[in-house]
Amino acid sequence: MTFPNKNYDFDELSQNSFFIGAYINNECVGLAIVQRAFFKYLYLYDLKVAKACRGLGIAQLLIEKAQEIARQEGYIGLYTQAQDNNLGACLFYLSAGFHIGGLDTKVYQGTPQENKKDIYFYLDNL
């Protein structure tokens, strides 16, 4: 499962977000957006790597930089979520060291995606 490109509202997101880019030859090939949260985990809002650059370890480098920001900002780690049918994302987060912290079975109730669930993943800073 893949998601379309998003047109981010930088002004809106920058009020509560950190942007981390990965570049090859001055071309952005990866992006992580992390957001402040009301508890002790920084939220990994978005993580994407250009299809041609996947498998090069770029996403892991983005996560490591996000962990560094989390430490600097006083958070104990990162958290994110993925839909249960997005197997690639779920397996990636597990292979990147995240652990499953919860399952939301109600989040899509009453929507066209009613049969889907969100899995919450956590990565503690050690």
PDB file of N, CA and C in Angstrom:
ATOM      1  N   MET A   1       0.847  -1.174   0.000  1.00  0.00           N
ATOM      2  CA  MET A   1       0.000   0.000   0.000  1.00  0.00           C
ATOM      3  C   MET A   1       0.893   1.237   0.000  1.00  0.00           C
ATOM      4  N   THR A   2       0.590   2.191  -0.830  1.00  0.00           N
ATOM      5  CA  THR A   2       1.346   3.441  -0.850  1.00  0.00           C
ATOM      6  C   THR A   2       0.373   4.594  -0.739  1.00  0.00           C
ATOM      7  N   PHE A   3       0.905   5.716  -0.327  1.00  0.00           N
ATOM      8  CA  PHE A   3       0.084   6.901  -0.144  1.00  0.00           C
ATOM      9  C   PHE A   3       0.519   7.966  -1.133  1.00  0.00           C
ATOM     10  N   PRO A   4      -0.392   8.811  -1.575  1.00  0.00           N
ATOM     11  CA  PRO A   4      -0.028   9.864  -2.543  1.00  0.00           C
ATOM     12  C   PRO A   4       0.829  10.948  -1.882  1.00  0.00           C
ATOM     13  N   ASN A   5       1.472  11.738  -2.744  1.00  0.00           N
ATOM     14  CA  ASN A   5       2.221  12.884  -2.242  1.00  0.00           C
ATOM     15  C   ASN A   5       1.271  13.831  -1.535  1.00  0.00           C
ATOM     16  N   LYS A   6       1.777  14.474  -0.515  1.00  0.00           N
ATOM     17  CA  LYS A   6       0.963  15.422   0.233  1.00  0.00           C
ATOM     18  C   LYS A   6       1.458  16.829  -0.037  1.00  0.00           C
ATOM     19  N   ASN A   7       0.546  17.744  -0.097  1.00  0.00           N
ATOM     20  CA  ASN A   7       0.899  19.155  -0.178  1.00  0.00           C
ATOM     21  C   ASN A   7       0.833  19.704   1.237  1.00  0.00           C
ATOM     22  N   TYR A   8       1.986  19.790   1.878  1.00  0.00           N
ATOM     23  CA  TYR A   8       2.047  20.222   3.264  1.00  0.00           C
ATOM     24  C   TYR A   8       1.864  21.731   3.372  1.00  0.00           C
ATOM     25  N   ASP A   9       1.185  22.159   4.400  1.00  0.00           N
ATOM     26  CA  ASP A   9       1.085  23.582   4.729  1.00  0.00           C
ATOM     27  C   ASP A   9       2.228  23.862   5.701  1.00  0.00           C
ATOM     28  N   PHE A  10       3.358  24.303   5.155  1.00  0.00           N
ATOM     29  CA  PHE A  10       4.559  24.497   5.958  1.00  0.00           C
ATOM     30  C   PHE A  10       4.314  25.459   7.113  1.00  0.00           C
ATOM     31  N   ASP A  11       3.640  26.566   6.865  1.00  0.00           N
ATOM     32  CA  ASP A  11       3.408  27.554   7.930  1.00  0.00           C
ATOM     33  C   ASP A  11       2.630  26.942   9.085  1.00  0.00           C
ATOM     34  N   GLU A  12       1.616  26.159   8.759  1.00  0.00           N
ATOM     35  CA  GLU A  12       0.817  25.519   9.811  1.00  0.00           C
ATOM     36  C   GLU A  12       1.627  24.447  10.539  1.00  0.00           C
ATOM     37  N   LEU A  13       2.269  23.571   9.786  1.00  0.00           N
ATOM     38  CA  LEU A  13       3.028  22.486  10.403  1.00  0.00           C
ATOM     39  C   LEU A  13       4.226  22.984  11.205  1.00  0.00           C
ATOM     40  N   SER A  14       4.863  24.054  10.751  1.00  0.00           N
ATOM     41  CA  SER A  14       6.086  24.509  11.411  1.00  0.00           C
ATOM     42  C   SER A  14       5.846  25.043  12.818  1.00  0.00           C
ATOM     43  N   GLN A  15       4.619  25.306  13.176  1.00  0.00           N
ATOM     44  CA  GLN A  15       4.308  25.768  14.527  1.00  0.00           C
ATOM     45  C   GLN A  15       4.543  24.676  15.569  1.00  0.00           C
ATOM     46  N   ASN A  16       4.481  23.408  15.135  1.00  0.00           N
ATOM     47  CA  ASN A  16       4.565  22.301  16.089  1.00  0.00           C
ATOM     48  C   ASN A  16       5.428  21.149  15.582  1.00  0.00           C
ATOM     49  N   SER A  17       6.193  21.379  14.515  1.00  0.00           N
ATOM     50  CA  SER A  17       6.878  20.273  13.869  1.00  0.00           C
ATOM     51  C   SER A  17       8.358  20.557  13.632  1.00  0.00           C
ATOM     52  N   PHE A  18       9.093  19.472  13.486  1.00  0.00           N
ATOM     53  CA  PHE A  18      10.476  19.499  13.027  1.00  0.00           C
ATOM     54  C   PHE A  18      10.503  18.756  11.704  1.00  0.00           C
ATOM     55  N   PHE A  19      11.230  19.275  10.730  1.00  0.00           N
ATOM     56  CA  PHE A  19      11.342  18.662   9.414  1.00  0.00           C
ATOM     57  C   PHE A  19      12.767  18.158   9.245  1.00  0.00           C
ATOM     58  N   ILE A  20      12.907  16.908   8.823  1.00  0.00           N
ATOM     59  CA  ILE A  20      14.214  16.304   8.625  1.00  0.00           C
ATOM     60  C   ILE A  20      14.262  15.806   7.186  1.00  0.00           C
ATOM     61  N   GLY A  21      15.230  16.296   6.435  1.00  0.00           N
ATOM     62  CA  GLY A  21      15.357  15.887   5.041  1.00  0.00           C
ATOM     63  C   GLY A  21      16.603  15.058   4.817  1.00  0.00           C
ATOM     64  N   ALA A  22      16.528  14.180   3.838  1.00  0.00           N
ATOM     65  CA  ALA A  22      17.684  13.394   3.394  1.00  0.00           C
ATOM     66  C   ALA A  22      17.913  13.734   1.929  1.00  0.00           C
ATOM     67  N   TYR A  23      19.170  13.981   1.608  1.00  0.00           N
ATOM     68  CA  TYR A  23      19.504  14.445   0.264  1.00  0.00           C
ATOM     69  C   TYR A  23      20.598  13.586  -0.368  1.00  0.00           C
ATOM     70  N   ILE A  24      20.458  13.380  -1.675  1.00  0.00           N
ATOM     71  CA  ILE A  24      21.503  12.778  -2.490  1.00  0.00           C
ATOM     72  C   ILE A  24      21.705  13.722  -3.672  1.00  0.00           C
ATOM     73  N   ASN A  25      22.938  14.199  -3.824  1.00  0.00           N
ATOM     74  CA  ASN A  25      23.258  15.138  -4.915  1.00  0.00           C
ATOM     75  C   ASN A  25      22.284  16.318  -4.947  1.00  0.00           C
ATOM     76  N   ASN A  26      22.061  16.918  -3.794  1.00  0.00           N
ATOM     77  CA  ASN A  26      21.193  18.096  -3.644  1.00  0.00           C
ATOM     78  C   ASN A  26      19.729  17.838  -3.988  1.00  0.00           C
ATOM     79  N   GLU A  27      19.324  16.582  -4.082  1.00  0.00           N
ATOM     80  CA  GLU A  27      17.919  16.247  -4.326  1.00  0.00           C
ATOM     81  C   GLU A  27      17.351  15.611  -3.072  1.00  0.00           C
ATOM     82  N   CYS A  28      16.206  16.107  -2.624  1.00  0.00           N
ATOM     83  CA  CYS A  28      15.558  15.551  -1.438  1.00  0.00           C
ATOM     84  C   CYS A  28      14.990  14.179  -1.794  1.00  0.00           C
ATOM     85  N   VAL A  29      15.473  13.150  -1.088  1.00  0.00           N
ATOM     86  CA  VAL A  29      15.024  11.778  -1.350  1.00  0.00           C
ATOM     87  C   VAL A  29      14.318  11.169  -0.148  1.00  0.00           C
ATOM     88  N   GLY A  30      14.271  11.918   0.959  1.00  0.00           N
ATOM     89  CA  GLY A  30      13.598  11.408   2.149  1.00  0.00           C
ATOM     90  C   GLY A  30      13.136  12.548   3.028  1.00  0.00           C
ATOM     91  N   LEU A  31      12.052  12.320   3.742  1.00  0.00           N
ATOM     92  CA  LEU A  31      11.496  13.336   4.624  1.00  0.00           C
ATOM     93  C   LEU A  31      10.889  12.674   5.852  1.00  0.00           C
ATOM     94  N   ALA A  32      11.211  13.221   7.007  1.00  0.00           N
ATOM     95  CA  ALA A  32      10.530  12.842   8.247  1.00  0.00           C
ATOM     96  C   ALA A  32       9.995  14.125   8.862  1.00  0.00           C
ATOM     97  N   ILE A  33       8.778  14.053   9.344  1.00  0.00           N
ATOM     98  CA  ILE A  33       8.183  15.164  10.078  1.00  0.00           C
ATOM     99  C   ILE A  33       7.817  14.631  11.449  1.00  0.00           C
ATOM    100  N   VAL A  34       8.350  15.265  12.491  1.00  0.00           N
ATOM    101  CA  VAL A  34       8.013  14.882  13.855  1.00  0.00           C
ATOM    102  C   VAL A  34       7.337  16.061  14.535  1.00  0.00           C
ATOM    103  N   GLN A  35       6.410  15.745  15.416  1.00  0.00           N
ATOM    104  CA  GLN A  35       5.627  16.787  16.074  1.00  0.00           C
ATOM    105  C   GLN A  35       5.666  16.633  17.584  1.00  0.00           C
ATOM    106  N   ARG A  36       5.641  17.773  18.232  1.00  0.00           N
ATOM    107  CA  ARG A  36       5.540  17.765  19.689  1.00  0.00           C
ATOM    108  C   ARG A  36       4.222  17.121  20.091  1.00  0.00           C
ATOM    109  N   ALA A  37       4.253  16.414  21.193  1.00  0.00           N
ATOM    110  CA  ALA A  37       3.064  15.744  21.707  1.00  0.00           C
ATOM    111  C   ALA A  37       2.896  16.100  23.176  1.00  0.00           C
ATOM    112  N   PHE A  38       1.719  15.847  23.705  1.00  0.00           N
ATOM    113  CA  PHE A  38       1.440  16.242  25.092  1.00  0.00           C
ATOM    114  C   PHE A  38       1.974  15.255  26.106  1.00  0.00           C
ATOM    115  N   PHE A  39       2.501  14.116  25.648  1.00  0.00           N
ATOM    116  CA  PHE A  39       3.121  13.202  26.591  1.00  0.00           C
ATOM    117  C   PHE A  39       4.579  13.027  26.212  1.00  0.00           C
ATOM    118  N   LYS A  40       5.260  12.045  26.704  1.00  0.00           N
ATOM    119  CA  LYS A  40       6.716  11.984  26.633  1.00  0.00           C
ATOM    120  C   LYS A  40       7.296  11.299  25.392  1.00  0.00           C
ATOM    121  N   TYR A  41       6.480  11.102  24.371  1.00  0.00           N
ATOM    122  CA  TYR A  41       6.976  10.578  23.106  1.00  0.00           C
ATOM    123  C   TYR A  41       6.718  11.606  22.008  1.00  0.00           C
ATOM    124  N   LEU A  42       7.732  11.892  21.215  1.00  0.00           N
ATOM    125  CA  LEU A  42       7.605  12.771  20.062  1.00  0.00           C
ATOM    126  C   LEU A  42       6.915  11.970  18.958  1.00  0.00           C
ATOM    127  N   TYR A  43       5.961  12.593  18.268  1.00  0.00           N
ATOM    128  CA  TYR A  43       5.140  11.894  17.282  1.00  0.00           C
ATOM    129  C   TYR A  43       5.788  11.941  15.895  1.00  0.00           C
ATOM    130  N   LEU A  44       6.046  10.780  15.314  1.00  0.00           N
ATOM    131  CA  LEU A  44       6.528  10.689  13.946  1.00  0.00           C
ATOM    132  C   LEU A  44       5.316  10.803  13.032  1.00  0.00           C
ATOM    133  N   TYR A  45       5.064  12.015  12.569  1.00  0.00           N
ATOM    134  CA  TYR A  45       3.871  12.344  11.788  1.00  0.00           C
ATOM    135  C   TYR A  45       3.936  11.768  10.379  1.00  0.00           C
ATOM    136  N   ASP A  46       5.119  11.822   9.775  1.00  0.00           N
ATOM    137  CA  ASP A  46       5.252  11.307   8.424  1.00  0.00           C
ATOM    138  C   ASP A  46       6.694  10.865   8.191  1.00  0.00           C
ATOM    139  N   LEU A  47       6.852   9.825   7.407  1.00  0.00           N
ATOM    140  CA  LEU A  47       8.159   9.308   7.033  1.00  0.00           C
ATOM    141  C   LEU A  47       8.037   8.786   5.616  1.00  0.00           C
ATOM    142  N   LYS A  48       8.842   9.331   4.717  1.00  0.00           N
ATOM    143  CA  LYS A  48       8.782   8.860   3.336  1.00  0.00           C
ATOM    144  C   LYS A  48      10.157   8.927   2.709  1.00  0.00           C
ATOM    145  N   VAL A  49      10.401   7.980   1.814  1.00  0.00           N
ATOM    146  CA  VAL A  49      11.642   7.905   1.052  1.00  0.00           C
ATOM    147  C   VAL A  49      11.247   7.661  -0.403  1.00  0.00           C
ATOM    148  N   ALA A  50      11.915   8.357  -1.311  1.00  0.00           N
ATOM    149  CA  ALA A  50      11.647   8.174  -2.735  1.00  0.00           C
ATOM    150  C   ALA A  50      11.798   6.701  -3.104  1.00  0.00           C
ATOM    151  N   LYS A  51      10.884   6.233  -3.913  1.00  0.00           N
ATOM    152  CA  LYS A  51      10.849   4.804  -4.260  1.00  0.00           C
ATOM    153  C   LYS A  51      12.201   4.305  -4.777  1.00  0.00           C
ATOM    154  N   ALA A  52      12.880   5.094  -5.601  1.00  0.00           N
ATOM    155  CA  ALA A  52      14.157   4.670  -6.176  1.00  0.00           C
ATOM    156  C   ALA A  52      15.270   4.573  -5.134  1.00  0.00           C
ATOM    157  N   CYS A  53      15.055   5.162  -3.951  1.00  0.00           N
ATOM    158  CA  CYS A  53      16.104   5.191  -2.922  1.00  0.00           C
ATOM    159  C   CYS A  53      15.795   4.296  -1.729  1.00  0.00           C
ATOM    160  N   ARG A  54      14.723   3.555  -1.804  1.00  0.00           N
ATOM    161  CA  ARG A  54      14.380   2.664  -0.693  1.00  0.00           C
ATOM    162  C   ARG A  54      15.375   1.523  -0.614  1.00  0.00           C
ATOM    163  N   GLY A  55      15.628   1.054   0.596  1.00  0.00           N
ATOM    164  CA  GLY A  55      16.575  -0.027   0.805  1.00  0.00           C
ATOM    165  C   GLY A  55      18.003   0.453   1.007  1.00  0.00           C
ATOM    166  N   LEU A  56      18.211   1.768   1.019  1.00  0.00           N
ATOM    167  CA  LEU A  56      19.551   2.330   1.205  1.00  0.00           C
ATOM    168  C   LEU A  56      19.826   2.753   2.648  1.00  0.00           C
ATOM    169  N   GLY A  57      18.847   2.545   3.534  1.00  0.00           N
ATOM    170  CA  GLY A  57      19.026   2.923   4.933  1.00  0.00           C
ATOM    171  C   GLY A  57      18.646   4.356   5.237  1.00  0.00           C
ATOM    172  N   ILE A  58      18.040   5.044   4.284  1.00  0.00           N
ATOM    173  CA  ILE A  58      17.683   6.456   4.475  1.00  0.00           C
ATOM    174  C   ILE A  58      16.630   6.621   5.553  1.00  0.00           C
ATOM    175  N   ALA A  59      15.618   5.790   5.546  1.00  0.00           N
ATOM    176  CA  ALA A  59      14.563   5.908   6.564  1.00  0.00           C
ATOM    177  C   ALA A  59      15.141   5.706   7.961  1.00  0.00           C
ATOM    178  N   GLN A  60      16.054   4.764   8.106  1.00  0.00           N
ATOM    179  CA  GLN A  60      16.670   4.531   9.416  1.00  0.00           C
ATOM    180  C   GLN A  60      17.464   5.758   9.859  1.00  0.00           C
ATOM    181  N   LEU A  61      18.172   6.388   8.941  1.00  0.00           N
ATOM    182  CA  LEU A  61      18.912   7.611   9.275  1.00  0.00           C
ATOM    183  C   LEU A  61      17.968   8.735   9.694  1.00  0.00           C
ATOM    184  N   LEU A  62      16.829   8.849   9.019  1.00  0.00           N
ATOM    185  CA  LEU A  62      15.842   9.864   9.395  1.00  0.00           C
ATOM    186  C   LEU A  62      15.309   9.597  10.796  1.00  0.00           C
ATOM    187  N   ILE A  63      15.054   8.329  11.100  1.00  0.00           N
ATOM    188  CA  ILE A  63      14.568   7.972  12.436  1.00  0.00           C
ATOM    189  C   ILE A  63      15.626   8.280  13.488  1.00  0.00           C
ATOM    190  N   GLU A  64      16.872   7.986  13.200  1.00  0.00           N
ATOM    191  CA  GLU A  64      17.940   8.285  14.166  1.00  0.00           C
ATOM    192  C   GLU A  64      18.038   9.776  14.439  1.00  0.00           C
ATOM    193  N   LYS A  65      17.880  10.596  13.408  1.00  0.00           N
ATOM    194  CA  LYS A  65      17.900  12.049  13.605  1.00  0.00           C
ATOM    195  C   LYS A  65      16.677  12.484  14.416  1.00  0.00           C
ATOM    196  N   ALA A  66      15.530  11.865  14.158  1.00  0.00           N
ATOM    197  CA  ALA A  66      14.320  12.178  14.927  1.00  0.00           C
ATOM    198  C   ALA A  66      14.508  11.819  16.397  1.00  0.00           C
ATOM    199  N   GLN A  67      15.189  10.700  16.660  1.00  0.00           N
ATOM    200  CA  GLN A  67      15.478  10.329  18.055  1.00  0.00           C
ATOM    201  C   GLN A  67      16.384  11.366  18.717  1.00  0.00           C
ATOM    202  N   GLU A  68      17.341  11.856  17.977  1.00  0.00           N
ATOM    203  CA  GLU A  68      18.234  12.893  18.508  1.00  0.00           C
ATOM    204  C   GLU A  68      17.437  14.145  18.883  1.00  0.00           C
ATOM    205  N   ILE A  69      16.524  14.545  18.014  1.00  0.00           N
ATOM    206  CA  ILE A  69      15.670  15.700  18.310  1.00  0.00           C
ATOM    207  C   ILE A  69      14.811  15.411  19.534  1.00  0.00           C
ATOM    208  N   ALA A  70      14.265  14.199  19.609  1.00  0.00           N
ATOM    209  CA  ALA A  70      13.445  13.831  20.766  1.00  0.00           C
ATOM    210  C   ALA A  70      14.237  13.985  22.061  1.00  0.00           C
ATOM    211  N   ARG A  71      15.466  13.491  22.076  1.00  0.00           N
ATOM    212  CA  ARG A  71      16.313  13.629  23.276  1.00  0.00           C
ATOM    213  C   ARG A  71      16.552  15.098  23.609  1.00  0.00           C
ATOM    214  N   GLN A  72      16.899  15.888  22.599  1.00  0.00           N
ATOM    215  CA  GLN A  72      17.168  17.309  22.818  1.00  0.00           C
ATOM    216  C   GLN A  72      15.949  18.045  23.365  1.00  0.00           C
ATOM    217  N   GLU A  73      14.763  17.603  22.975  1.00  0.00           N
ATOM    218  CA  GLU A  73      13.528  18.253  23.391  1.00  0.00           C
ATOM    219  C   GLU A  73      12.948  17.664  24.680  1.00  0.00           C
ATOM    220  N   GLY A  74      13.643  16.682  25.275  1.00  0.00           N
ATOM    221  CA  GLY A  74      13.207  16.115  26.546  1.00  0.00           C
ATOM    222  C   GLY A  74      12.200  14.981  26.444  1.00  0.00           C
ATOM    223  N   TYR A  75      12.052  14.397  25.260  1.00  0.00           N
ATOM    224  CA  TYR A  75      11.149  13.257  25.087  1.00  0.00           C
ATOM    225  C   TYR A  75      11.914  11.958  25.332  1.00  0.00           C
ATOM    226  N   ILE A  76      11.188  10.910  25.706  1.00  0.00           N
ATOM    227  CA  ILE A  76      11.838   9.628  25.979  1.00  0.00           C
ATOM    228  C   ILE A  76      11.868   8.718  24.757  1.00  0.00           C
ATOM    229  N   GLY A  77      11.285   9.157  23.661  1.00  0.00           N
ATOM    230  CA  GLY A  77      11.310   8.361  22.445  1.00  0.00           C
ATOM    231  C   GLY A  77      10.369   8.903  21.405  1.00  0.00           C
ATOM    232  N   LEU A  78      10.077   8.047  20.421  1.00  0.00           N
ATOM    233  CA  LEU A  78       9.191   8.383  19.316  1.00  0.00           C
ATOM    234  C   LEU A  78       7.987   7.451  19.328  1.00  0.00           C
ATOM    235  N   TYR A  79       6.898   7.928  18.759  1.00  0.00           N
ATOM    236  CA  TYR A  79       5.785   7.021  18.478  1.00  0.00           C
ATOM    237  C   TYR A  79       5.183   7.388  17.141  1.00  0.00           C
ATOM    238  N   THR A  80       4.557   6.414  16.520  1.00  0.00           N
ATOM    239  CA  THR A  80       3.870   6.625  15.254  1.00  0.00           C
ATOM    240  C   THR A  80       2.749   5.608  15.151  1.00  0.00           C
ATOM    241  N   GLN A  81       2.032   5.654  14.061  1.00  0.00           N
ATOM    242  CA  GLN A  81       0.960   4.687  13.847  1.00  0.00           C
ATOM    243  C   GLN A  81       0.936   4.303  12.380  1.00  0.00           C
ATOM    244  N   ALA A  82       0.417   3.123  12.119  1.00  0.00           N
ATOM    245  CA  ALA A  82       0.252   2.633  10.748  1.00  0.00           C
ATOM    246  C   ALA A  82      -1.024   1.810  10.701  1.00  0.00           C
ATOM    247  N   GLN A  83      -1.681   1.841   9.545  1.00  0.00           N
ATOM    248  CA  GLN A  83      -2.872   1.021   9.398  1.00  0.00           C
ATOM    249  C   GLN A  83      -2.465  -0.447   9.353  1.00  0.00           C
ATOM    250  N   ASP A  84      -3.328  -1.269   9.904  1.00  0.00           N
ATOM    251  CA  ASP A  84      -3.024  -2.703   9.984  1.00  0.00           C
ATOM    252  C   ASP A  84      -2.849  -3.357   8.627  1.00  0.00           C
ATOM    253  N   ASN A  85      -3.393  -2.783   7.565  1.00  0.00           N
ATOM    254  CA  ASN A  85      -3.241  -3.371   6.240  1.00  0.00           C
ATOM    255  C   ASN A  85      -2.026  -2.820   5.489  1.00  0.00           C
ATOM    256  N   ASN A  86      -1.268  -1.919   6.107  1.00  0.00           N
ATOM    257  CA  ASN A  86      -0.050  -1.391   5.495  1.00  0.00           C
ATOM    258  C   ASN A  86       1.121  -2.225   6.002  1.00  0.00           C
ATOM    259  N   LEU A  87       1.198  -3.438   5.490  1.00  0.00           N
ATOM    260  CA  LEU A  87       2.168  -4.407   5.983  1.00  0.00           C
ATOM    261  C   LEU A  87       3.602  -3.912   5.843  1.00  0.00           C
ATOM    262  N   GLY A  88       3.910  -3.244   4.735  1.00  0.00           N
ATOM    263  CA  GLY A  88       5.264  -2.737   4.544  1.00  0.00           C
ATOM    264  C   GLY A  88       5.678  -1.779   5.647  1.00  0.00           C
ATOM    265  N   ALA A  89       4.805  -0.844   5.986  1.00  0.00           N
ATOM    266  CA  ALA A  89       5.116   0.117   7.048  1.00  0.00           C
ATOM    267  C   ALA A  89       5.230  -0.588   8.396  1.00  0.00           C
ATOM    268  N   CYS A  90       4.303  -1.477   8.689  1.00  0.00           N
ATOM    269  CA  CYS A  90       4.334  -2.183   9.979  1.00  0.00           C
ATOM    270  C   CYS A  90       5.625  -2.978  10.136  1.00  0.00           C
ATOM    271  N   LEU A  91       5.997  -3.710   9.102  1.00  0.00           N
ATOM    272  CA  LEU A  91       7.231  -4.495   9.168  1.00  0.00           C
ATOM    273  C   LEU A  91       8.461  -3.598   9.248  1.00  0.00           C
ATOM    274  N   PHE A  92       8.433  -2.468   8.542  1.00  0.00           N
ATOM    275  CA  PHE A  92       9.561  -1.543   8.620  1.00  0.00           C
ATOM    276  C   PHE A  92       9.741  -1.030  10.045  1.00  0.00           C
ATOM    277  N   TYR A  93       8.657  -0.565  10.678  1.00  0.00           N
ATOM    278  CA  TYR A  93       8.789  -0.021  12.034  1.00  0.00           C
ATOM    279  C   TYR A  93       9.324  -1.076  12.995  1.00  0.00           C
ATOM    280  N   LEU A  94       8.856  -2.300  12.866  1.00  0.00           N
ATOM    281  CA  LEU A  94       9.372  -3.363  13.731  1.00  0.00           C
ATOM    282  C   LEU A  94      10.857  -3.609  13.474  1.00  0.00           C
ATOM    283  N   SER A  95      11.258  -3.632  12.209  1.00  0.00           N
ATOM    284  CA  SER A  95      12.672  -3.866  11.896  1.00  0.00           C
ATOM    285  C   SER A  95      13.548  -2.690  12.314  1.00  0.00           C
ATOM    286  N   ALA A  96      12.961  -1.495  12.430  1.00  0.00           N
ATOM    287  CA  ALA A  96      13.706  -0.308  12.844  1.00  0.00           C
ATOM    288  C   ALA A  96      13.820  -0.198  14.367  1.00  0.00           C
ATOM    289  N   GLY A  97      13.272  -1.182  15.089  1.00  0.00           N
ATOM    290  CA  GLY A  97      13.405  -1.189  16.542  1.00  0.00           C
ATOM    291  C   GLY A  97      12.182  -0.729  17.309  1.00  0.00           C
ATOM    292  N   PHE A  98      11.135  -0.310  16.619  1.00  0.00           N
ATOM    293  CA  PHE A  98       9.895   0.073  17.297  1.00  0.00           C
ATOM    294  C   PHE A  98       9.228  -1.183  17.858  1.00  0.00           C
ATOM    295  N   HIS A  99       8.425  -1.009  18.890  1.00  0.00           N
ATOM    296  CA  HIS A  99       7.611  -2.112  19.389  1.00  0.00           C
ATOM    297  C   HIS A  99       6.151  -1.670  19.381  1.00  0.00           C
ATOM    298  N   ILE A 100       5.274  -2.636  19.321  1.00  0.00           N
ATOM    299  CA  ILE A 100       3.841  -2.330  19.284  1.00  0.00           C
ATOM    300  C   ILE A 100       3.390  -1.944  20.680  1.00  0.00           C
ATOM    301  N   GLY A 101       2.738  -0.802  20.748  1.00  0.00           N
ATOM    302  CA  GLY A 101       2.263  -0.314  22.029  1.00  0.00           C
ATOM    303  C   GLY A 101       0.754  -0.301  22.148  1.00  0.00           C
ATOM    304  N   GLY A 102       0.058  -0.513  21.041  1.00  0.00           N
ATOM    305  CA  GLY A 102      -1.395  -0.498  21.132  1.00  0.00           C
ATOM    306  C   GLY A 102      -2.063  -0.714  19.784  1.00  0.00           C
ATOM    307  N   LEU A 103      -3.351  -0.968  19.840  1.00  0.00           N
ATOM    308  CA  LEU A 103      -4.176  -1.200  18.665  1.00  0.00           C
ATOM    309  C   LEU A 103      -5.471  -0.431  18.848  1.00  0.00           C
ATOM    310  N   ASP A 104      -5.800   0.420  17.878  1.00  0.00           N
ATOM    311  CA  ASP A 104      -7.043   1.185  17.924  1.00  0.00           C
ATOM    312  C   ASP A 104      -8.015   0.554  16.935  1.00  0.00           C
ATOM    313  N   THR A 105      -9.028  -0.112  17.451  1.00  0.00           N
ATOM    314  CA  THR A 105      -9.987  -0.814  16.602  1.00  0.00           C
ATOM    315  C   THR A 105     -11.205   0.043  16.258  1.00  0.00           C
ATOM    316  N   LYS A 106     -11.275   1.259  16.774  1.00  0.00           N
ATOM    317  CA  LYS A 106     -12.462   2.092  16.586  1.00  0.00           C
ATOM    318  C   LYS A 106     -12.226   3.329  15.715  1.00  0.00           C
ATOM    319  N   VAL A 107     -10.986   3.663  15.432  1.00  0.00           N
ATOM    320  CA  VAL A 107     -10.663   4.945  14.817  1.00  0.00           C
ATOM    321  C   VAL A 107     -11.354   5.164  13.470  1.00  0.00           C
ATOM    322  N   TYR A 108     -11.605   4.124  12.702  1.00  0.00           N
ATOM    323  CA  TYR A 108     -12.208   4.282  11.378  1.00  0.00           C
ATOM    324  C   TYR A 108     -13.705   3.960  11.350  1.00  0.00           C
ATOM    325  N   GLN A 109     -14.276   3.714  12.523  1.00  0.00           N
ATOM    326  CA  GLN A 109     -15.697   3.374  12.570  1.00  0.00           C
ATOM    327  C   GLN A 109     -16.522   4.507  11.964  1.00  0.00           C
ATOM    328  N   GLY A 110     -17.469   4.132  11.080  1.00  0.00           N
ATOM    329  CA  GLY A 110     -18.334   5.107  10.438  1.00  0.00           C
ATOM    330  C   GLY A 110     -17.706   5.783   9.224  1.00  0.00           C
ATOM    331  N   THR A 111     -16.541   5.295   8.787  1.00  0.00           N
ATOM    332  CA  THR A 111     -15.873   5.846   7.597  1.00  0.00           C
ATOM    333  C   THR A 111     -15.803   4.766   6.527  1.00  0.00           C
ATOM    334  N   PRO A 112     -15.426   5.133   5.301  1.00  0.00           N
ATOM    335  CA  PRO A 112     -15.271   4.116   4.256  1.00  0.00           C
ATOM    336  C   PRO A 112     -14.182   3.079   4.572  1.00  0.00           C
ATOM    337  N   GLN A 113     -13.311   3.366   5.523  1.00  0.00           N
ATOM    338  CA  GLN A 113     -12.242   2.434   5.903  1.00  0.00           C
ATOM    339  C   GLN A 113     -12.585   1.684   7.191  1.00  0.00           C
ATOM    340  N   GLU A 114     -13.852   1.485   7.427  1.00  0.00           N
ATOM    341  CA  GLU A 114     -14.337   0.956   8.703  1.00  0.00           C
ATOM    342  C   GLU A 114     -13.691  -0.362   9.133  1.00  0.00           C
ATOM    343  N   ASN A 115     -13.232  -1.164   8.210  1.00  0.00           N
ATOM    344  CA  ASN A 115     -12.650  -2.463   8.577  1.00  0.00           C
ATOM    345  C   ASN A 115     -11.172  -2.371   8.953  1.00  0.00           C
ATOM    346  N   LYS A 116     -10.600  -1.181   8.928  1.00  0.00           N
ATOM    347  CA  LYS A 116      -9.171  -1.031   9.221  1.00  0.00           C
ATOM    348  C   LYS A 116      -8.954  -0.619  10.670  1.00  0.00           C
ATOM    349  N   LYS A 117      -7.720  -0.833  11.112  1.00  0.00           N
ATOM    350  CA  LYS A 117      -7.337  -0.498  12.481  1.00  0.00           C
ATOM    351  C   LYS A 117      -5.985   0.197  12.447  1.00  0.00           C
ATOM    352  N   ASP A 118      -5.677   0.960  13.477  1.00  0.00           N
ATOM    353  CA  ASP A 118      -4.363   1.584  13.605  1.00  0.00           C
ATOM    354  C   ASP A 118      -3.541   0.840  14.643  1.00  0.00           C
ATOM    355  N   ILE A 119      -2.298   0.580  14.283  1.00  0.00           N
ATOM    356  CA  ILE A 119      -1.339  -0.008  15.215  1.00  0.00           C
ATOM    357  C   ILE A 119      -0.392   1.095  15.642  1.00  0.00           C
ATOM    358  N   TYR A 120      -0.170   1.226  16.937  1.00  0.00           N
ATOM    359  CA  TYR A 120       0.735   2.240  17.478  1.00  0.00           C
ATOM    360  C   TYR A 120       2.089   1.598  17.751  1.00  0.00           C
ATOM    361  N   PHE A 121       3.119   2.277  17.289  1.00  0.00           N
ATOM    362  CA  PHE A 121       4.491   1.810  17.433  1.00  0.00           C
ATOM    363  C   PHE A 121       5.296   2.802  18.260  1.00  0.00           C
ATOM    364  N   TYR A 122       6.146   2.294  19.155  1.00  0.00           N
ATOM    365  CA  TYR A 122       6.965   3.133  20.035  1.00  0.00           C
ATOM    366  C   TYR A 122       8.436   2.743  19.919  1.00  0.00           C
ATOM    367  N   LEU A 123       9.281   3.759  19.959  1.00  0.00           N
ATOM    368  CA  LEU A 123      10.720   3.555  19.954  1.00  0.00           C
ATOM    369  C   LEU A 123      11.308   4.362  21.089  1.00  0.00           C
ATOM    370  N   ASP A 124      11.826   3.661  22.091  1.00  0.00           N
ATOM    371  CA  ASP A 124      12.396   4.332  23.261  1.00  0.00           C
ATOM    372  C   ASP A 124      13.825   4.757  22.959  1.00  0.00           C
ATOM    373  N   ASN A 125      14.183   5.950  23.437  1.00  0.00           N
ATOM    374  CA  ASN A 125      15.577   6.389  23.376  1.00  0.00           C
ATOM    375  C   ASN A 125      16.342   5.675  24.468  1.00  0.00           C
ATOM    376  N   LEU A 126      17.428   5.068  24.119  1.00  0.00           N
ATOM    377  CA  LEU A 126      18.241   4.357  25.105  1.00  0.00           C
ATOM    378  C   LEU A 126      19.563   5.050  25.309  1.00  0.00           C
TER     379      LEU A 126
END
